[in-house]
Amino acid sequence: MSYFDESYTLDTFQTLLSVDSTTGQFRAIQEKTADLIRFLGFEPSFTHKGGVLTDLGGEGDPLVITAHLDDIGLMVRRINPDGTLNVCPVGGLYPFYCVTENVRVYAGSGEVFTGTVCRTPNSIHVTEEELRKNMGDFRTNVCVVLDRPVRSAEDTRALGIETGDYIGLEPRFTRSGGYIKSRFIDDKACAAVLLNVMKAIRDNGLKLNRKVIAYFACYEELGHGTTWLPDGVKDILALDIAPTGPDQNSEEHKVSIFAKDSRFPYHSEMTAELRETAKKAGLDYVMDVFTPHYGSDGDGSVLAGYDIRHAAIGPGTANSHGYERTHIDGLRNTFELTLSYITA
């Protein structure tokens, strides 16, 4: 019997997407997630720097299951003389994956302004041939154009916008044929899966095979989401996307079990436990290795010096850090493996 609630997972994913949370911009997404946790009958607690934890019950050596709430995005680097915004990335965001995207600028004044990421010059019809060939570069030829009649830096500053203000990208969620397309599948889709795991435990009175703590971190994209852990934690399981590619085993319909990423191998015994759990549950899974530019929050805990085992799993996802795509089957298999691992 499957406890996967497709409607709940997708509705929760869209709820999380509705809150911009570029890494460091944590307060609103922390509060929204806490509300979702309370609605499920669990009690949230908070880390000082931004993050949400909740005890799911069980006894024995604690396991942390983590999924991160922070998104890649932009920050105002400076205001250009014409009133446009020179921006820098927060996390691994590249110009070719966000030019022409709609954005929201969170001004220090408290107001939110819309705009668009644009090339400069911005119209292909009036761009010289040589300039058309130039790659987008945040430093020199990419800017954010505000949906306001600003003509100078002074006009923009009068709106309350200044260096250091956060900029969130429009997620553009859509679904067709079971495929889910959106920004920030990494990692709000996995956060929704973890909340569905919590819902299944509550709704069905499931008994956990050990003490389990859910940890919704807010700094994974910068590498320090789970560099602090609660006392006594022995293992950490990260739920994160499994990037697809020509040299990868990962597929959008499957859950991947990570053997290694760009930093180091995951704990061999814990990884073997997950593989055996997937086999016994009859899940559609693959093993995969992710190099040269991938890491998870489990890595951060190990690098912080904790004496723990760490492992990671997640749905196959295309176009990572861009307009991403996965499949509902990948989310379902990730859910089933997570739940089976803590209840088998």
C-alpha atoms as a PDB file:
ATOM      1  CA  MET A   1       0.000   0.000   0.000  1.00  0.00           C
ATOM      2  CA  SER A   2       1.308   3.436  -0.946  1.00  0.00           C
ATOM      3  CA  TYR A   3       0.844   6.422   1.354  1.00  0.00           C
ATOM      4  CA  PHE A   4       2.023   8.895  -1.282  1.00  0.00           C
ATOM      5  CA  ASP A   5      -0.392  11.818  -1.547  1.00  0.00           C
ATOM      6  CA  GLU A   6       0.211  13.343  -4.965  1.00  0.00           C
ATOM      7  CA  SER A   7      -2.187  16.247  -4.520  1.00  0.00           C
ATOM      8  CA  TYR A   8      -0.742  17.174  -1.132  1.00  0.00           C
ATOM      9  CA  THR A   9       2.829  17.010  -2.427  1.00  0.00           C
ATOM     10  CA  LEU A  10       2.184  19.229  -5.452  1.00  0.00           C
ATOM     11  CA  ASP A  11       0.011  21.676  -3.517  1.00  0.00           C
ATOM     12  CA  THR A  12       2.684  21.940  -0.828  1.00  0.00           C
ATOM     13  CA  PHE A  13       5.405  22.387  -3.438  1.00  0.00           C
ATOM     14  CA  GLN A  14       3.478  25.303  -4.935  1.00  0.00           C
ATOM     15  CA  THR A  15       2.884  26.772  -1.472  1.00  0.00           C
ATOM     16  CA  LEU A  16       6.634  26.749  -0.838  1.00  0.00           C
ATOM     17  CA  LEU A  17       7.290  28.195  -4.297  1.00  0.00           C
ATOM     18  CA  SER A  18       4.977  31.102  -3.515  1.00  0.00           C
ATOM     19  CA  VAL A  19       7.544  32.398  -0.995  1.00  0.00           C
ATOM     20  CA  ASP A  20      10.772  33.812  -2.446  1.00  0.00           C
ATOM     21  CA  SER A  21      13.706  32.545  -0.407  1.00  0.00           C
ATOM     22  CA  THR A  22      17.011  33.384  -2.048  1.00  0.00           C
ATOM     23  CA  THR A  23      19.703  32.050   0.290  1.00  0.00           C
ATOM     24  CA  GLY A  24      19.880  34.363   3.294  1.00  0.00           C
ATOM     25  CA  GLN A  25      16.291  35.563   2.815  1.00  0.00           C
ATOM     26  CA  PHE A  26      14.948  32.986   5.253  1.00  0.00           C
ATOM     27  CA  ARG A  27      12.348  34.513   7.547  1.00  0.00           C
ATOM     28  CA  ALA A  28       9.204  34.230   5.392  1.00  0.00           C
ATOM     29  CA  ILE A  29       9.903  30.666   4.198  1.00  0.00           C
ATOM     30  CA  GLN A  30      10.783  29.612   7.753  1.00  0.00           C
ATOM     31  CA  GLU A  31       7.423  30.886   9.011  1.00  0.00           C
ATOM     32  CA  LYS A  32       5.491  29.306   6.123  1.00  0.00           C
ATOM     33  CA  THR A  33       7.146  25.931   6.711  1.00  0.00           C
ATOM     34  CA  ALA A  34       6.482  26.144  10.446  1.00  0.00           C
ATOM     35  CA  ASP A  35       2.788  26.697   9.682  1.00  0.00           C
ATOM     36  CA  LEU A  36       2.746  23.598   7.456  1.00  0.00           C
ATOM     37  CA  ILE A  37       4.439  21.571  10.202  1.00  0.00           C
ATOM     38  CA  ARG A  38       1.950  22.721  12.840  1.00  0.00           C
ATOM     39  CA  PHE A  39      -0.962  21.856  10.545  1.00  0.00           C
ATOM     40  CA  LEU A  40       0.371  18.290  10.427  1.00  0.00           C
ATOM     41  CA  GLY A  41       0.356  18.128  14.221  1.00  0.00           C
ATOM     42  CA  PHE A  42       4.108  18.444  14.818  1.00  0.00           C
ATOM     43  CA  GLU A  43       5.888  21.163  16.758  1.00  0.00           C
ATOM     44  CA  PRO A  44       8.586  23.187  14.940  1.00  0.00           C
ATOM     45  CA  SER A  45      11.745  24.607  16.471  1.00  0.00           C
ATOM     46  CA  PHE A  46      14.186  27.008  14.863  1.00  0.00           C
ATOM     47  CA  THR A  47      17.893  27.470  14.383  1.00  0.00           C
ATOM     48  CA  HIS A  48      19.268  30.888  15.205  1.00  0.00           C
ATOM     49  CA  LYS A  49      20.563  31.584  11.687  1.00  0.00           C
ATOM     50  CA  GLY A  50      17.413  30.322   9.949  1.00  0.00           C
ATOM     51  CA  GLY A  51      16.093  26.784   9.625  1.00  0.00           C
ATOM     52  CA  VAL A  52      13.240  24.637  10.922  1.00  0.00           C
ATOM     53  CA  LEU A  53      13.411  21.324  12.785  1.00  0.00           C
ATOM     54  CA  THR A  54      10.742  19.002  14.120  1.00  0.00           C
ATOM     55  CA  ASP A  55      10.848  15.726  16.025  1.00  0.00           C
ATOM     56  CA  LEU A  56       8.892  12.993  14.214  1.00  0.00           C
ATOM     57  CA  GLY A  57       9.092  10.541  17.106  1.00  0.00           C
ATOM     58  CA  GLY A  58      10.721   7.156  17.448  1.00  0.00           C
ATOM     59  CA  GLU A  59      13.435   5.922  19.785  1.00  0.00           C
ATOM     60  CA  GLY A  60      17.115   5.124  19.451  1.00  0.00           C
ATOM     61  CA  ASP A  61      20.057   6.784  17.711  1.00  0.00           C
ATOM     62  CA  PRO A  62      18.696   9.886  15.972  1.00  0.00           C
ATOM     63  CA  LEU A  63      18.531  10.234  12.206  1.00  0.00           C
ATOM     64  CA  VAL A  64      18.177  13.669  10.613  1.00  0.00           C
ATOM     65  CA  ILE A  65      16.362  13.862   7.280  1.00  0.00           C
ATOM     66  CA  THR A  66      17.020  17.185   5.613  1.00  0.00           C
ATOM     67  CA  ALA A  67      15.668  19.092   2.618  1.00  0.00           C
ATOM     68  CA  HIS A  68      16.549  22.705   1.977  1.00  0.00           C
ATOM     69  CA  LEU A  69      14.241  25.682   1.558  1.00  0.00           C
ATOM     70  CA  ASP A  70      16.666  28.226   0.105  1.00  0.00           C
ATOM     71  CA  ASP A  71      16.752  29.072  -3.600  1.00  0.00           C
ATOM     72  CA  ILE A  72      19.446  30.388  -5.874  1.00  0.00           C
ATOM     73  CA  GLY A  73      18.805  33.991  -6.903  1.00  0.00           C
ATOM     74  CA  LEU A  74      20.343  37.421  -7.277  1.00  0.00           C
ATOM     75  CA  MET A  75      21.423  40.413  -5.205  1.00  0.00           C
ATOM     76  CA  VAL A  76      21.794  44.056  -6.145  1.00  0.00           C
ATOM     77  CA  ARG A  77      25.519  44.724  -6.580  1.00  0.00           C
ATOM     78  CA  ARG A  78      25.191  48.360  -7.562  1.00  0.00           C
ATOM     79  CA  ILE A  79      22.741  50.718  -9.246  1.00  0.00           C
ATOM     80  CA  ASN A  80      23.732  51.670 -12.768  1.00  0.00           C
ATOM     81  CA  PRO A  81      23.669  55.318 -13.917  1.00  0.00           C
ATOM     82  CA  ASP A  82      20.550  54.627 -16.033  1.00  0.00           C
ATOM     83  CA  GLY A  83      18.622  53.220 -13.055  1.00  0.00           C
ATOM     84  CA  THR A  84      18.981  49.551 -13.988  1.00  0.00           C
ATOM     85  CA  LEU A  85      20.473  47.123 -11.471  1.00  0.00           C
ATOM     86  CA  ASN A  86      23.853  45.498 -11.767  1.00  0.00           C
ATOM     87  CA  VAL A  87      23.435  42.150 -10.007  1.00  0.00           C
ATOM     88  CA  CYS A  88      25.493  39.258  -8.678  1.00  0.00           C
ATOM     89  CA  PRO A  89      24.390  35.645  -8.186  1.00  0.00           C
ATOM     90  CA  VAL A  90      23.536  34.119  -4.823  1.00  0.00           C
ATOM     91  CA  GLY A  91      24.320  30.432  -5.234  1.00  0.00           C
ATOM     92  CA  GLY A  92      25.079  28.730  -8.535  1.00  0.00           C
ATOM     93  CA  LEU A  93      22.980  30.860 -10.903  1.00  0.00           C
ATOM     94  CA  TYR A  94      24.354  31.633 -14.369  1.00  0.00           C
ATOM     95  CA  PRO A  95      23.215  34.371 -16.781  1.00  0.00           C
ATOM     96  CA  PHE A  96      22.297  31.956 -19.581  1.00  0.00           C
ATOM     97  CA  TYR A  97      19.789  30.291 -17.205  1.00  0.00           C
ATOM     98  CA  CYS A  98      18.006  33.463 -16.119  1.00  0.00           C
ATOM     99  CA  VAL A  99      18.181  36.134 -18.846  1.00  0.00           C
ATOM    100  CA  THR A 100      14.592  37.250 -19.730  1.00  0.00           C
ATOM    101  CA  GLU A 101      13.238  35.867 -16.434  1.00  0.00           C
ATOM    102  CA  ASN A 102      10.793  37.944 -14.398  1.00  0.00           C
ATOM    103  CA  VAL A 103      11.989  38.852 -10.909  1.00  0.00           C
ATOM    104  CA  ARG A 104      10.959  40.478  -7.646  1.00  0.00           C
ATOM    105  CA  VAL A 105      13.298  42.980  -6.005  1.00  0.00           C
ATOM    106  CA  TYR A 106      12.987  43.152  -2.197  1.00  0.00           C
ATOM    107  CA  ALA A 107      13.905  46.725  -1.372  1.00  0.00           C
ATOM    108  CA  GLY A 108      15.303  47.657   2.015  1.00  0.00           C
ATOM    109  CA  SER A 109      12.320  50.004   2.308  1.00  0.00           C
ATOM    110  CA  GLY A 110      10.069  46.961   2.634  1.00  0.00           C
ATOM    111  CA  GLU A 111       8.477  47.328  -0.789  1.00  0.00           C
ATOM    112  CA  VAL A 112       8.713  44.692  -3.508  1.00  0.00           C
ATOM    113  CA  PHE A 113       9.288  45.748  -7.128  1.00  0.00           C
ATOM    114  CA  THR A 114       8.978  43.604 -10.232  1.00  0.00           C
ATOM    115  CA  GLY A 115      11.426  43.579 -13.091  1.00  0.00           C
ATOM    116  CA  THR A 116      13.185  41.476 -15.723  1.00  0.00           C
ATOM    117  CA  VAL A 117      16.691  40.120 -16.186  1.00  0.00           C
ATOM    118  CA  CYS A 118      17.890  41.602 -19.490  1.00  0.00           C
ATOM    119  CA  ARG A 119      20.896  41.622 -21.773  1.00  0.00           C
ATOM    120  CA  THR A 120      22.360  44.998 -22.672  1.00  0.00           C
ATOM    121  CA  PRO A 121      21.614  45.959 -25.381  1.00  0.00           C
ATOM    122  CA  ASN A 122      18.268  44.231 -24.835  1.00  0.00           C
ATOM    123  CA  SER A 123      16.704  44.159 -28.332  1.00  0.00           C
ATOM    124  CA  ILE A 124      18.217  41.777 -30.879  1.00  0.00           C
ATOM    125  CA  HIS A 125      17.039  43.946 -33.776  1.00  0.00           C
ATOM    126  CA  VAL A 126      19.251  46.840 -32.731  1.00  0.00           C
ATOM    127  CA  THR A 127      22.255  44.864 -31.534  1.00  0.00           C
ATOM    128  CA  GLU A 128      25.401  44.725 -33.627  1.00  0.00           C
ATOM    129  CA  GLU A 129      26.396  41.288 -34.919  1.00  0.00           C
ATOM    130  CA  GLU A 130      29.504  41.051 -32.759  1.00  0.00           C
ATOM    131  CA  LEU A 131      27.564  41.918 -29.595  1.00  0.00           C
ATOM    132  CA  ARG A 132      24.985  39.215 -30.360  1.00  0.00           C
ATOM    133  CA  LYS A 133      27.730  36.611 -30.006  1.00  0.00           C
ATOM    134  CA  ASN A 134      28.837  37.725 -26.537  1.00  0.00           C
ATOM    135  CA  MET A 135      27.944  35.453 -23.655  1.00  0.00           C
ATOM    136  CA  GLY A 136      25.830  36.982 -20.901  1.00  0.00           C
ATOM    137  CA  ASP A 137      27.904  38.247 -17.979  1.00  0.00           C
ATOM    138  CA  PHE A 138      26.456  39.698 -14.785  1.00  0.00           C
ATOM    139  CA  ARG A 139      29.393  42.101 -14.478  1.00  0.00           C
ATOM    140  CA  THR A 140      29.243  43.671 -17.925  1.00  0.00           C
ATOM    141  CA  ASN A 141      26.169  43.033 -20.087  1.00  0.00           C
ATOM    142  CA  VAL A 142      23.321  41.666 -17.948  1.00  0.00           C
ATOM    143  CA  CYS A 143      21.144  43.789 -15.680  1.00  0.00           C
ATOM    144  CA  VAL A 144      17.732  43.896 -14.025  1.00  0.00           C
ATOM    145  CA  VAL A 145      15.319  46.393 -15.565  1.00  0.00           C
ATOM    146  CA  LEU A 146      12.651  47.590 -13.137  1.00  0.00           C
ATOM    147  CA  ASP A 147       8.987  47.902 -14.025  1.00  0.00           C
ATOM    148  CA  ARG A 148       9.151  51.545 -13.019  1.00  0.00           C
ATOM    149  CA  PRO A 149       9.852  54.702 -15.085  1.00  0.00           C
ATOM    150  CA  VAL A 150      13.348  55.178 -13.677  1.00  0.00           C
ATOM    151  CA  ARG A 151      15.976  56.983 -15.742  1.00  0.00           C
ATOM    152  CA  SER A 152      18.797  57.443 -13.248  1.00  0.00           C
ATOM    153  CA  ALA A 153      20.421  55.920 -10.187  1.00  0.00           C
ATOM    154  CA  GLU A 154      18.762  58.628  -8.124  1.00  0.00           C
ATOM    155  CA  ASP A 155      15.314  57.570  -9.406  1.00  0.00           C
ATOM    156  CA  THR A 156      15.974  53.981  -8.363  1.00  0.00           C
ATOM    157  CA  ARG A 157      17.347  54.908  -4.949  1.00  0.00           C
ATOM    158  CA  ALA A 158      14.230  57.019  -4.385  1.00  0.00           C
ATOM    159  CA  LEU A 159      12.254  53.749  -4.505  1.00  0.00           C
ATOM    160  CA  GLY A 160      14.284  52.477  -1.541  1.00  0.00           C
ATOM    161  CA  ILE A 161      16.393  50.042  -3.572  1.00  0.00           C
ATOM    162  CA  GLU A 162      20.078  49.764  -2.674  1.00  0.00           C
ATOM    163  CA  THR A 163      23.106  47.482  -2.874  1.00  0.00           C
ATOM    164  CA  GLY A 164      22.512  44.233  -0.970  1.00  0.00           C
ATOM    165  CA  ASP A 165      18.790  43.912  -1.711  1.00  0.00           C
ATOM    166  CA  TYR A 166      17.625  40.396  -2.573  1.00  0.00           C
ATOM    167  CA  ILE A 167      16.103  39.473  -5.933  1.00  0.00           C
ATOM    168  CA  GLY A 168      13.888  36.398  -6.373  1.00  0.00           C
ATOM    169  CA  LEU A 169      13.173  34.687  -9.709  1.00  0.00           C
ATOM    170  CA  GLU A 170       9.691  33.744 -10.876  1.00  0.00           C
ATOM    171  CA  PRO A 171       9.335  29.932 -10.432  1.00  0.00           C
ATOM    172  CA  ARG A 172       6.838  29.368 -13.314  1.00  0.00           C
ATOM    173  CA  PHE A 173       5.398  26.072 -12.055  1.00  0.00           C
ATOM    174  CA  THR A 174       3.542  23.974 -14.613  1.00  0.00           C
ATOM    175  CA  ARG A 175       2.667  20.309 -15.038  1.00  0.00           C
ATOM    176  CA  SER A 176       1.949  18.202 -18.111  1.00  0.00           C
ATOM    177  CA  GLY A 177       1.852  14.455 -18.655  1.00  0.00           C
ATOM    178  CA  GLY A 178       3.191  13.818 -15.173  1.00  0.00           C
ATOM    179  CA  TYR A 179       6.217  16.036 -15.815  1.00  0.00           C
ATOM    180  CA  ILE A 180       6.714  18.924 -13.416  1.00  0.00           C
ATOM    181  CA  LYS A 181       8.517  22.011 -14.664  1.00  0.00           C
ATOM    182  CA  SER A 182       9.554  24.828 -12.369  1.00  0.00           C
ATOM    183  CA  ARG A 183      12.473  26.655 -10.934  1.00  0.00           C
ATOM    184  CA  PHE A 184      13.499  25.469  -7.490  1.00  0.00           C
ATOM    185  CA  ILE A 185      12.520  21.820  -7.769  1.00  0.00           C
ATOM    186  CA  ASP A 186      15.943  21.980  -6.113  1.00  0.00           C
ATOM    187  CA  ASP A 187      14.918  21.704  -3.398  1.00  0.00           C
ATOM    188  CA  LYS A 188      11.368  22.748  -2.582  1.00  0.00           C
ATOM    189  CA  ALA A 189       9.970  19.657  -4.294  1.00  0.00           C
ATOM    190  CA  CYS A 190      12.019  17.487  -1.921  1.00  0.00           C
ATOM    191  CA  ALA A 191      10.880  19.617   1.024  1.00  0.00           C
ATOM    192  CA  ALA A 192       7.303  18.898  -0.057  1.00  0.00           C
ATOM    193  CA  VAL A 193       8.127  15.183  -0.225  1.00  0.00           C
ATOM    194  CA  LEU A 194       9.482  15.309   3.337  1.00  0.00           C
ATOM    195  CA  LEU A 195       6.310  17.042   4.537  1.00  0.00           C
ATOM    196  CA  ASN A 196       4.301  14.294   2.819  1.00  0.00           C
ATOM    197  CA  VAL A 197       6.364  11.719   4.734  1.00  0.00           C
ATOM    198  CA  MET A 198       5.353  13.517   7.924  1.00  0.00           C
ATOM    199  CA  LYS A 199       1.702  13.506   6.810  1.00  0.00           C
ATOM    200  CA  ALA A 200       1.842   9.747   6.154  1.00  0.00           C
ATOM    201  CA  ILE A 201       3.277   9.117   9.637  1.00  0.00           C
ATOM    202  CA  ARG A 202       0.522  11.200  11.240  1.00  0.00           C
ATOM    203  CA  ASP A 203      -2.408   9.937   9.161  1.00  0.00           C
ATOM    204  CA  ASN A 204      -1.539   6.268   9.469  1.00  0.00           C
ATOM    205  CA  GLY A 205       0.035   6.037  12.902  1.00  0.00           C
ATOM    206  CA  LEU A 206       3.212   4.590  11.424  1.00  0.00           C
ATOM    207  CA  LYS A 207       5.855   3.329  13.836  1.00  0.00           C
ATOM    208  CA  LEU A 208       9.372   4.594  13.240  1.00  0.00           C
ATOM    209  CA  ASN A 209      12.334   2.253  13.580  1.00  0.00           C
ATOM    210  CA  ARG A 210      14.447   4.947  15.255  1.00  0.00           C
ATOM    211  CA  LYS A 211      14.259   8.550  16.411  1.00  0.00           C
ATOM    212  CA  VAL A 212      13.818  10.808  13.358  1.00  0.00           C
ATOM    213  CA  ILE A 213      14.233  14.581  13.105  1.00  0.00           C
ATOM    214  CA  ALA A 214      13.139  16.528  10.022  1.00  0.00           C
ATOM    215  CA  TYR A 215      15.435  19.455   9.283  1.00  0.00           C
ATOM    216  CA  PHE A 216      14.438  22.116   6.747  1.00  0.00           C
ATOM    217  CA  ALA A 217      17.664  24.038   6.188  1.00  0.00           C
ATOM    218  CA  CYS A 218      18.019  27.496   4.622  1.00  0.00           C
ATOM    219  CA  TYR A 219      21.662  27.783   3.514  1.00  0.00           C
ATOM    220  CA  GLU A 220      22.354  24.670   1.456  1.00  0.00           C
ATOM    221  CA  GLU A 221      23.097  26.567  -1.751  1.00  0.00           C
ATOM    222  CA  LEU A 222      26.059  28.210   0.000  1.00  0.00           C
ATOM    223  CA  GLY A 223      27.237  25.011   1.691  1.00  0.00           C
ATOM    224  CA  HIS A 224      26.405  25.558   5.351  1.00  0.00           C
ATOM    225  CA  GLY A 225      22.768  24.529   5.732  1.00  0.00           C
ATOM    226  CA  THR A 226      23.388  21.753   8.260  1.00  0.00           C
ATOM    227  CA  THR A 227      26.777  22.664   9.688  1.00  0.00           C
ATOM    228  CA  TRP A 228      24.991  22.563  13.066  1.00  0.00           C
ATOM    229  CA  LEU A 229      23.060  19.460  14.156  1.00  0.00           C
ATOM    230  CA  PRO A 230      21.056  18.598  17.302  1.00  0.00           C
ATOM    231  CA  ASP A 231      22.864  16.687  20.033  1.00  0.00           C
ATOM    232  CA  GLY A 232      23.240  12.955  19.577  1.00  0.00           C
ATOM    233  CA  VAL A 233      22.589  12.715  15.834  1.00  0.00           C
ATOM    234  CA  LYS A 234      24.230   9.634  14.349  1.00  0.00           C
ATOM    235  CA  ASP A 235      23.138   9.755  10.694  1.00  0.00           C
ATOM    236  CA  ILE A 236      21.933  12.344   8.180  1.00  0.00           C
ATOM    237  CA  LEU A 237      19.929  11.650   5.035  1.00  0.00           C
ATOM    238  CA  ALA A 238      19.706  14.514   2.529  1.00  0.00           C
ATOM    239  CA  LEU A 239      16.788  14.699   0.104  1.00  0.00           C
ATOM    240  CA  ASP A 240      18.011  16.624  -2.918  1.00  0.00           C
ATOM    241  CA  ILE A 241      17.743  16.534  -6.689  1.00  0.00           C
ATOM    242  CA  ALA A 242      19.666  14.008  -8.787  1.00  0.00           C
ATOM    243  CA  PRO A 243      20.893  15.933 -11.864  1.00  0.00           C
ATOM    244  CA  THR A 244      20.424  14.163 -15.179  1.00  0.00           C
ATOM    245  CA  GLY A 245      22.984  14.286 -17.963  1.00  0.00           C
ATOM    246  CA  PRO A 246      24.740  12.277 -20.696  1.00  0.00           C
ATOM    247  CA  ASP A 247      27.056  10.543 -18.212  1.00  0.00           C
ATOM    248  CA  GLN A 248      24.452  10.056 -15.475  1.00  0.00           C
ATOM    249  CA  ASN A 249      22.257   7.085 -14.551  1.00  0.00           C
ATOM    250  CA  SER A 250      19.593   9.352 -13.053  1.00  0.00           C
ATOM    251  CA  GLU A 251      16.203   9.571 -14.748  1.00  0.00           C
ATOM    252  CA  GLU A 252      13.258  11.800 -13.956  1.00  0.00           C
ATOM    253  CA  HIS A 253      10.961   8.844 -13.178  1.00  0.00           C
ATOM    254  CA  LYS A 254      13.360   7.285 -10.659  1.00  0.00           C
ATOM    255  CA  VAL A 255      14.876   7.956  -7.270  1.00  0.00           C
ATOM    256  CA  SER A 256      18.660   8.102  -7.263  1.00  0.00           C
ATOM    257  CA  ILE A 257      20.818   6.888  -4.408  1.00  0.00           C
ATOM    258  CA  PHE A 258      24.010   8.925  -4.374  1.00  0.00           C
ATOM    259  CA  ALA A 259      27.267   6.977  -4.187  1.00  0.00           C
ATOM    260  CA  LYS A 260      29.570  10.003  -4.475  1.00  0.00           C
ATOM    261  CA  ASP A 261      29.504  13.711  -5.239  1.00  0.00           C
ATOM    262  CA  SER A 262      32.179  16.282  -6.060  1.00  0.00           C
ATOM    263  CA  ARG A 263      33.483  16.292  -2.478  1.00  0.00           C
ATOM    264  CA  PHE A 264      33.719  12.649  -1.438  1.00  0.00           C
ATOM    265  CA  PRO A 265      31.838   9.319  -1.335  1.00  0.00           C
ATOM    266  CA  TYR A 266      28.755   8.963   0.840  1.00  0.00           C
ATOM    267  CA  HIS A 267      28.955   6.525   3.739  1.00  0.00           C
ATOM    268  CA  SER A 268      29.156   3.089   2.163  1.00  0.00           C
ATOM    269  CA  GLU A 269      27.160   1.206   4.814  1.00  0.00           C
ATOM    270  CA  MET A 270      24.330   3.740   4.996  1.00  0.00           C
ATOM    271  CA  THR A 271      24.190   3.858   1.199  1.00  0.00           C
ATOM    272  CA  ALA A 272      23.995   0.057   1.126  1.00  0.00           C
ATOM    273  CA  GLU A 273      21.094   0.161   3.612  1.00  0.00           C
ATOM    274  CA  LEU A 274      19.204   2.507   1.318  1.00  0.00           C
ATOM    275  CA  ARG A 275      19.902   0.319  -1.700  1.00  0.00           C
ATOM    276  CA  GLU A 276      18.617  -2.785   0.094  1.00  0.00           C
ATOM    277  CA  THR A 277      15.544  -0.877   1.266  1.00  0.00           C
ATOM    278  CA  ALA A 278      14.813   0.181  -2.318  1.00  0.00           C
ATOM    279  CA  LYS A 279      15.184  -3.405  -3.546  1.00  0.00           C
ATOM    280  CA  LYS A 280      12.890  -4.855  -0.873  1.00  0.00           C
ATOM    281  CA  ALA A 281      10.265  -2.173  -1.530  1.00  0.00           C
ATOM    282  CA  GLY A 282      10.398  -2.829  -5.282  1.00  0.00           C
ATOM    283  CA  LEU A 283      11.195   0.804  -6.073  1.00  0.00           C
ATOM    284  CA  ASP A 284      12.414   2.208  -9.368  1.00  0.00           C
ATOM    285  CA  TYR A 285      15.885   3.398  -8.327  1.00  0.00           C
ATOM    286  CA  VAL A 286      19.386   3.896  -9.687  1.00  0.00           C
ATOM    287  CA  MET A 287      22.815   4.441  -8.188  1.00  0.00           C
ATOM    288  CA  ASP A 288      24.655   7.514  -9.408  1.00  0.00           C
ATOM    289  CA  VAL A 289      27.805   9.612  -8.975  1.00  0.00           C
ATOM    290  CA  PHE A 290      27.656  13.402  -9.323  1.00  0.00           C
ATOM    291  CA  THR A 291      30.783  15.303 -10.401  1.00  0.00           C
ATOM    292  CA  PRO A 292      32.276  17.821 -10.829  1.00  0.00           C
ATOM    293  CA  HIS A 293      29.925  20.444  -9.313  1.00  0.00           C
ATOM    294  CA  TYR A 294      27.549  18.847  -6.823  1.00  0.00           C
ATOM    295  CA  GLY A 295      27.213  18.572  -3.073  1.00  0.00           C
ATOM    296  CA  SER A 296      24.434  18.116  -0.528  1.00  0.00           C
ATOM    297  CA  ASP A 297      23.695  19.265   3.003  1.00  0.00           C
ATOM    298  CA  GLY A 298      24.969  15.945   4.288  1.00  0.00           C
ATOM    299  CA  ASP A 299      28.433  16.994   3.159  1.00  0.00           C
ATOM    300  CA  GLY A 300      28.209  20.163   5.220  1.00  0.00           C
ATOM    301  CA  SER A 301      27.587  18.211   8.406  1.00  0.00           C
ATOM    302  CA  VAL A 302      30.576  15.956   7.800  1.00  0.00           C
ATOM    303  CA  LEU A 303      32.821  18.909   6.970  1.00  0.00           C
ATOM    304  CA  ALA A 304      31.672  20.617  10.187  1.00  0.00           C
ATOM    305  CA  GLY A 305      33.265  17.753  12.112  1.00  0.00           C
ATOM    306  CA  TYR A 306      30.279  15.675  13.190  1.00  0.00           C
ATOM    307  CA  ASP A 307      30.945  11.967  13.717  1.00  0.00           C
ATOM    308  CA  ILE A 308      28.035  10.830  11.579  1.00  0.00           C
ATOM    309  CA  ARG A 309      27.181   8.700   8.613  1.00  0.00           C
ATOM    310  CA  HIS A 310      25.739  10.628   5.674  1.00  0.00           C
ATOM    311  CA  ALA A 311      23.772   9.653   2.589  1.00  0.00           C
ATOM    312  CA  ALA A 312      21.620  11.331  -0.037  1.00  0.00           C
ATOM    313  CA  ILE A 313      18.737  10.409  -2.333  1.00  0.00           C
ATOM    314  CA  GLY A 314      16.457  12.326  -4.658  1.00  0.00           C
ATOM    315  CA  PRO A 315      14.386  12.485  -7.838  1.00  0.00           C
ATOM    316  CA  GLY A 316      16.088  12.633 -11.224  1.00  0.00           C
ATOM    317  CA  THR A 317      15.897  16.264 -12.338  1.00  0.00           C
ATOM    318  CA  ALA A 318      16.845  17.899 -15.633  1.00  0.00           C
ATOM    319  CA  ASN A 319      18.211  21.432 -16.174  1.00  0.00           C
ATOM    320  CA  SER A 320      19.535  21.831 -12.645  1.00  0.00           C
ATOM    321  CA  HIS A 321      19.781  25.437 -11.402  1.00  0.00           C
ATOM    322  CA  GLY A 322      17.712  26.550 -14.388  1.00  0.00           C
ATOM    323  CA  TYR A 323      14.100  25.927 -15.378  1.00  0.00           C
ATOM    324  CA  GLU A 324      14.098  22.414 -13.945  1.00  0.00           C
ATOM    325  CA  ARG A 325      12.022  19.361 -14.806  1.00  0.00           C
ATOM    326  CA  THR A 326      11.210  16.157 -12.967  1.00  0.00           C
ATOM    327  CA  HIS A 327       8.349  13.647 -12.981  1.00  0.00           C
ATOM    328  CA  ILE A 328       5.766  12.797 -10.366  1.00  0.00           C
ATOM    329  CA  ASP A 329       7.118   9.230 -10.409  1.00  0.00           C
ATOM    330  CA  GLY A 330      10.518  10.523  -9.294  1.00  0.00           C
ATOM    331  CA  LEU A 331       8.909  12.299  -6.350  1.00  0.00           C
ATOM    332  CA  ARG A 332       6.845   9.206  -5.539  1.00  0.00           C
ATOM    333  CA  ASN A 333       9.885   6.915  -5.542  1.00  0.00           C
ATOM    334  CA  THR A 334      11.791   9.381  -3.363  1.00  0.00           C
ATOM    335  CA  PHE A 335       8.880   9.451  -0.916  1.00  0.00           C
ATOM    336  CA  GLU A 336       8.602   5.649  -0.837  1.00  0.00           C
ATOM    337  CA  LEU A 337      12.321   5.159  -0.211  1.00  0.00           C
ATOM    338  CA  THR A 338      12.385   7.759   2.570  1.00  0.00           C
ATOM    339  CA  LEU A 339       9.341   6.338   4.325  1.00  0.00           C
ATOM    340  CA  SER A 340      10.456   2.723   3.895  1.00  0.00           C
ATOM    341  CA  TYR A 341      13.881   3.506   5.316  1.00  0.00           C
ATOM    342  CA  ILE A 342      12.474   4.879   8.581  1.00  0.00           C
ATOM    343  CA  THR A 343       9.636   2.365   9.039  1.00  0.00           C
ATOM    344  CA  ALA A 344      10.969  -0.932   7.645  1.00  0.00           C
END
